[in-house]
N, C-alpha and C. Protein backbone atom coordinates (compact mmCIF):
# COMPACT_ATOMS: atom_id res chain seq x y z
N MET A 1 88.68 76.48 110.22
CA MET A 1 89.65 77.43 110.82
C MET A 1 89.03 78.45 111.80
N ARG A 2 89.52 78.53 113.10
CA ARG A 2 88.74 79.52 113.81
C ARG A 2 89.79 80.36 114.41
N LEU A 3 89.27 81.66 114.48
CA LEU A 3 90.43 82.67 114.80
C LEU A 3 90.45 82.94 116.17
N ASN A 4 91.59 83.22 116.72
CA ASN A 4 91.70 83.38 118.18
C ASN A 4 91.13 84.98 118.25
N ASP A 5 90.51 85.40 119.61
CA ASP A 5 90.00 86.68 119.69
C ASP A 5 90.95 87.74 119.39
N ASN A 6 92.29 87.58 119.80
CA ASN A 6 93.38 88.86 119.43
C ASN A 6 93.09 89.24 117.80
N LEU A 7 93.42 87.96 116.94
CA LEU A 7 93.38 88.01 115.36
C LEU A 7 92.07 88.58 114.92
N LYS A 8 90.88 88.21 115.54
CA LYS A 8 89.61 88.69 115.09
C LYS A 8 89.50 90.07 115.27
N TYR A 9 89.91 90.53 116.45
CA TYR A 9 89.97 92.12 116.83
C TYR A 9 90.65 92.66 115.98
N LYS A 10 91.84 92.28 115.55
CA LYS A 10 93.03 93.04 114.71
C LYS A 10 92.15 92.92 113.11
N TYR A 11 91.50 91.61 112.82
CA TYR A 11 90.89 91.85 111.54
C TYR A 11 89.58 92.67 111.44
N LEU A 12 88.77 92.95 112.39
CA LEU A 12 87.52 93.73 112.32
C LEU A 12 88.31 95.42 112.62
N ARG A 13 89.34 95.71 113.06
CA ARG A 13 89.87 97.03 112.97
C ARG A 13 90.53 97.40 111.67
N PHE A 14 91.18 96.38 110.89
CA PHE A 14 91.81 96.71 109.71
C PHE A 14 90.51 96.76 108.77
N PHE A 15 89.50 95.97 108.78
CA PHE A 15 88.23 95.89 107.98
C PHE A 15 87.59 97.35 108.05
N GLY A 16 87.46 97.76 109.53
CA GLY A 16 86.95 99.06 109.63
C GLY A 16 87.78 100.09 109.02
N VAL A 17 89.19 100.08 109.19
CA VAL A 17 90.03 101.17 108.58
C VAL A 17 89.77 101.15 106.93
N LEU A 18 89.72 99.93 106.32
CA LEU A 18 89.44 99.76 104.77
C LEU A 18 88.15 100.58 104.48
N CYS A 19 86.95 100.21 105.18
CA CYS A 19 85.68 100.88 104.90
C CYS A 19 85.99 102.17 104.97
N ILE A 20 86.30 102.86 106.28
CA ILE A 20 86.56 104.29 106.09
C ILE A 20 87.32 104.73 104.87
N ILE A 21 88.34 104.24 104.59
CA ILE A 21 89.22 104.72 103.60
C ILE A 21 88.16 104.77 102.23
N PHE A 22 87.57 103.42 101.83
CA PHE A 22 86.78 103.43 100.78
C PHE A 22 85.62 104.58 100.74
N GLY A 23 85.08 104.67 101.98
CA GLY A 23 83.96 105.54 102.07
C GLY A 23 84.54 106.98 102.04
N VAL A 24 85.65 107.56 102.43
CA VAL A 24 86.06 108.85 102.23
C VAL A 24 86.58 108.97 100.70
N LEU A 25 87.11 108.01 100.11
CA LEU A 25 87.55 108.39 98.57
C LEU A 25 86.31 108.25 97.91
N SER A 26 85.25 107.50 97.79
CA SER A 26 84.02 107.62 97.19
C SER A 26 83.25 108.57 97.40
N GLY A 27 83.26 109.29 98.69
CA GLY A 27 82.58 110.15 99.16
C GLY A 27 82.98 111.44 98.76
N TYR A 28 84.07 111.49 98.41
CA TYR A 28 84.83 113.00 97.91
C TYR A 28 84.36 113.12 96.31
N ASP A 29 84.19 112.03 95.85
CA ASP A 29 83.64 112.03 94.51
C ASP A 29 82.18 112.50 94.37
N ALA A 30 81.33 111.85 95.45
CA ALA A 30 80.04 112.11 95.66
C ALA A 30 79.62 113.66 96.12
N PHE A 31 80.46 113.80 97.06
CA PHE A 31 80.34 115.45 97.31
C PHE A 31 80.94 116.41 96.47
N GLN A 32 81.67 116.19 95.46
CA GLN A 32 82.03 117.00 94.22
C GLN A 32 80.72 117.01 93.32
N LEU A 33 80.00 115.75 93.14
CA LEU A 33 78.89 115.72 92.64
C LEU A 33 77.79 116.52 92.91
N ILE A 34 77.57 116.54 94.28
CA ILE A 34 76.47 117.26 94.93
C ILE A 34 76.84 118.69 94.81
N SER A 35 78.08 119.36 94.80
CA SER A 35 78.22 120.60 95.03
C SER A 35 78.34 121.14 93.56
N ASN A 36 78.24 120.33 92.54
CA ASN A 36 78.19 120.92 90.99
C ASN A 36 76.77 120.96 90.57
N PRO A 37 76.43 121.84 90.29
CA PRO A 37 74.69 121.99 89.90
C PRO A 37 74.66 121.48 88.45
N ALA A 38 75.53 121.52 87.46
CA ALA A 38 75.48 121.01 86.31
C ALA A 38 75.78 119.66 86.21
N ALA A 39 76.24 118.79 87.10
CA ALA A 39 76.60 117.52 87.19
C ALA A 39 75.24 116.66 87.14
N THR A 40 75.39 115.45 86.38
CA THR A 40 74.20 114.54 86.27
C THR A 40 74.52 113.22 86.83
N VAL A 41 73.52 112.48 87.19
CA VAL A 41 73.73 110.81 87.75
C VAL A 41 72.79 110.16 86.69
N VAL A 42 73.31 109.01 86.36
CA VAL A 42 72.54 108.26 85.69
C VAL A 42 72.07 106.74 86.45
N ILE A 43 70.63 107.01 86.51
CA ILE A 43 69.99 105.86 87.46
C ILE A 43 69.18 105.09 86.50
N ASN A 44 69.48 103.88 86.48
CA ASN A 44 68.32 103.03 85.71
C ASN A 44 68.50 103.45 84.09
N GLY A 45 69.45 103.99 83.68
CA GLY A 45 69.59 104.57 82.35
C GLY A 45 68.89 105.89 82.02
N VAL A 46 68.60 106.50 83.18
CA VAL A 46 68.05 107.92 83.03
C VAL A 46 68.92 108.80 83.56
N GLU A 47 69.29 109.80 82.95
CA GLU A 47 70.18 110.85 83.32
C GLU A 47 69.29 112.03 84.22
N ARG A 48 69.64 111.85 85.60
CA ARG A 48 69.24 112.95 86.33
C ARG A 48 70.16 114.02 86.88
N SER A 49 69.83 115.28 87.19
CA SER A 49 70.54 116.23 87.75
C SER A 49 69.96 117.10 89.00
N ASP A 50 68.89 116.37 89.58
CA ASP A 50 68.28 116.61 90.89
C ASP A 50 69.01 116.28 92.06
N ALA A 51 68.53 117.31 93.24
CA ALA A 51 69.24 116.77 94.26
C ALA A 51 69.14 115.50 94.87
N GLU A 52 68.05 114.85 94.83
CA GLU A 52 67.74 113.47 95.32
C GLU A 52 68.45 112.44 94.68
N ALA A 53 68.57 112.59 93.43
CA ALA A 53 69.64 111.61 92.85
C ALA A 53 71.06 111.76 92.98
N LYS A 54 71.60 112.88 93.23
CA LYS A 54 72.78 113.05 93.77
C LYS A 54 73.04 112.42 95.04
N LEU A 55 72.21 112.82 96.19
CA LEU A 55 72.13 112.44 97.54
C LEU A 55 72.22 110.91 97.49
N MET A 56 71.56 110.29 96.54
CA MET A 56 71.52 108.68 96.40
C MET A 56 73.03 108.35 96.42
N SER A 57 73.66 108.98 95.55
CA SER A 57 75.29 108.47 95.11
C SER A 57 75.84 108.83 96.62
N PHE A 58 75.40 109.57 97.49
CA PHE A 58 76.12 110.13 98.61
C PHE A 58 76.01 108.90 99.70
N PHE A 59 74.83 108.29 99.56
CA PHE A 59 74.58 107.32 100.84
C PHE A 59 75.44 106.23 101.16
N LEU A 60 76.06 105.73 99.91
CA LEU A 60 76.86 104.54 100.11
C LEU A 60 78.06 104.70 100.73
N PRO A 61 78.79 105.88 100.37
CA PRO A 61 79.99 106.09 101.24
C PRO A 61 79.88 106.38 102.61
N VAL A 62 78.61 107.11 102.90
CA VAL A 62 78.12 107.32 104.37
C VAL A 62 77.82 106.09 105.19
N ILE A 63 77.35 105.18 104.44
CA ILE A 63 77.19 103.75 105.08
C ILE A 63 78.57 103.29 105.33
N PHE A 64 79.48 103.15 104.35
CA PHE A 64 80.74 102.47 104.43
C PHE A 64 81.55 103.33 105.70
N ILE A 65 81.53 104.62 105.78
CA ILE A 65 82.20 105.52 107.02
C ILE A 65 81.63 104.91 108.07
N ALA A 66 80.18 104.80 108.28
CA ALA A 66 79.67 104.50 109.40
C ALA A 66 79.98 102.95 109.97
N VAL A 67 80.06 102.13 108.99
CA VAL A 67 80.35 100.72 109.42
C VAL A 67 81.56 100.64 109.75
N GLY A 68 82.68 101.26 109.13
CA GLY A 68 84.25 101.66 109.58
C GLY A 68 84.13 102.00 110.94
N VAL A 69 83.55 103.10 111.23
CA VAL A 69 83.60 103.60 112.52
C VAL A 69 83.02 102.85 113.53
N VAL A 70 81.93 101.95 113.52
CA VAL A 70 81.60 101.11 114.53
C VAL A 70 82.53 99.86 114.48
N LEU A 71 83.05 99.33 113.37
CA LEU A 71 84.04 98.26 113.57
C LEU A 71 85.31 98.70 114.23
N ASN A 72 85.57 100.09 114.26
CA ASN A 72 86.79 100.53 115.25
C ASN A 72 86.37 100.85 116.56
N LEU A 73 85.32 100.98 116.72
CA LEU A 73 84.76 101.00 118.24
C LEU A 73 84.84 99.77 118.97
N VAL A 74 84.66 98.52 118.33
CA VAL A 74 84.75 97.33 118.93
C VAL A 74 86.06 96.97 119.74
N THR A 75 85.61 96.66 121.14
CA THR A 75 86.95 96.23 121.92
C THR A 75 87.39 95.12 122.00
N ARG A 76 88.37 94.65 122.47
CA ARG A 76 88.61 93.34 122.98
C ARG A 76 87.72 92.46 123.58
N ASN A 77 87.10 93.02 124.79
CA ASN A 77 86.23 92.43 125.53
C ASN A 77 84.94 92.10 124.90
N ASP A 78 84.56 93.10 123.92
CA ASP A 78 83.28 92.59 122.91
C ASP A 78 83.64 91.37 122.13
N VAL A 79 84.72 91.21 121.69
CA VAL A 79 85.06 90.20 120.93
C VAL A 79 85.04 88.95 121.45
N ALA A 80 85.49 88.94 122.91
CA ALA A 80 85.46 87.87 123.73
C ALA A 80 84.08 87.34 124.27
N ASN A 81 83.33 88.29 124.31
CA ASN A 81 81.97 88.29 124.75
C ASN A 81 81.09 87.59 123.64
N ILE A 82 81.59 87.92 122.19
CA ILE A 82 80.86 87.40 121.14
C ILE A 82 81.22 86.02 121.03
N ARG A 83 82.47 85.62 121.16
CA ARG A 83 83.07 84.20 121.23
C ARG A 83 82.30 83.43 122.14
N ARG A 84 82.17 83.99 123.31
CA ARG A 84 81.23 83.02 124.53
C ARG A 84 79.92 83.06 124.21
N ALA A 85 79.27 83.98 123.62
CA ALA A 85 77.84 83.86 123.08
C ALA A 85 77.73 82.79 122.11
N GLU A 86 78.67 82.76 121.20
CA GLU A 86 78.75 81.91 120.08
C GLU A 86 78.77 80.47 120.51
N ASN A 87 79.62 80.28 121.47
CA ASN A 87 80.09 78.79 122.02
C ASN A 87 78.89 78.56 122.78
N THR A 88 78.07 79.19 123.51
CA THR A 88 76.95 78.76 124.34
C THR A 88 75.91 78.59 123.12
N LEU A 89 75.76 79.14 122.10
CA LEU A 89 74.58 79.07 121.07
C LEU A 89 75.04 77.60 120.49
N TRP A 90 76.12 77.40 120.05
CA TRP A 90 76.29 76.29 119.24
C TRP A 90 76.63 74.81 120.35
N SER A 91 76.70 75.04 121.79
CA SER A 91 76.80 74.07 122.54
C SER A 91 75.56 73.21 122.71
N ILE A 92 74.48 73.88 122.36
CA ILE A 92 73.18 73.09 122.16
C ILE A 92 73.10 72.05 121.18
N PHE A 93 73.83 72.26 120.08
CA PHE A 93 73.84 71.28 119.08
C PHE A 93 74.93 70.17 119.14
N ARG A 94 75.53 70.49 119.92
CA ARG A 94 76.98 69.29 120.19
C ARG A 94 76.54 68.20 121.05
N LYS A 95 77.20 67.03 121.08
CA LYS A 95 76.84 65.81 122.03
C LYS A 95 77.68 66.04 123.26
């Protein structure tokens, strides 16, 4: 099943919004963890309270927010250009 460009554009925007929402919600907890000096993070069964361990828990939400922003910056023309490039690439293998 192939999605048309408009539907693919809407799907990318929706997935981008979901990534941003997930990143903000999980980032809020990670930010509270960083700001609390008594909080601990368990990494590989080891309980740590240093700043590096707390920052590691903050990286995943930041990555989700960045991916969501990039997906929301994609335009309809970008989706159409990717479709044309995909058709050109796969035309080599068609008879």
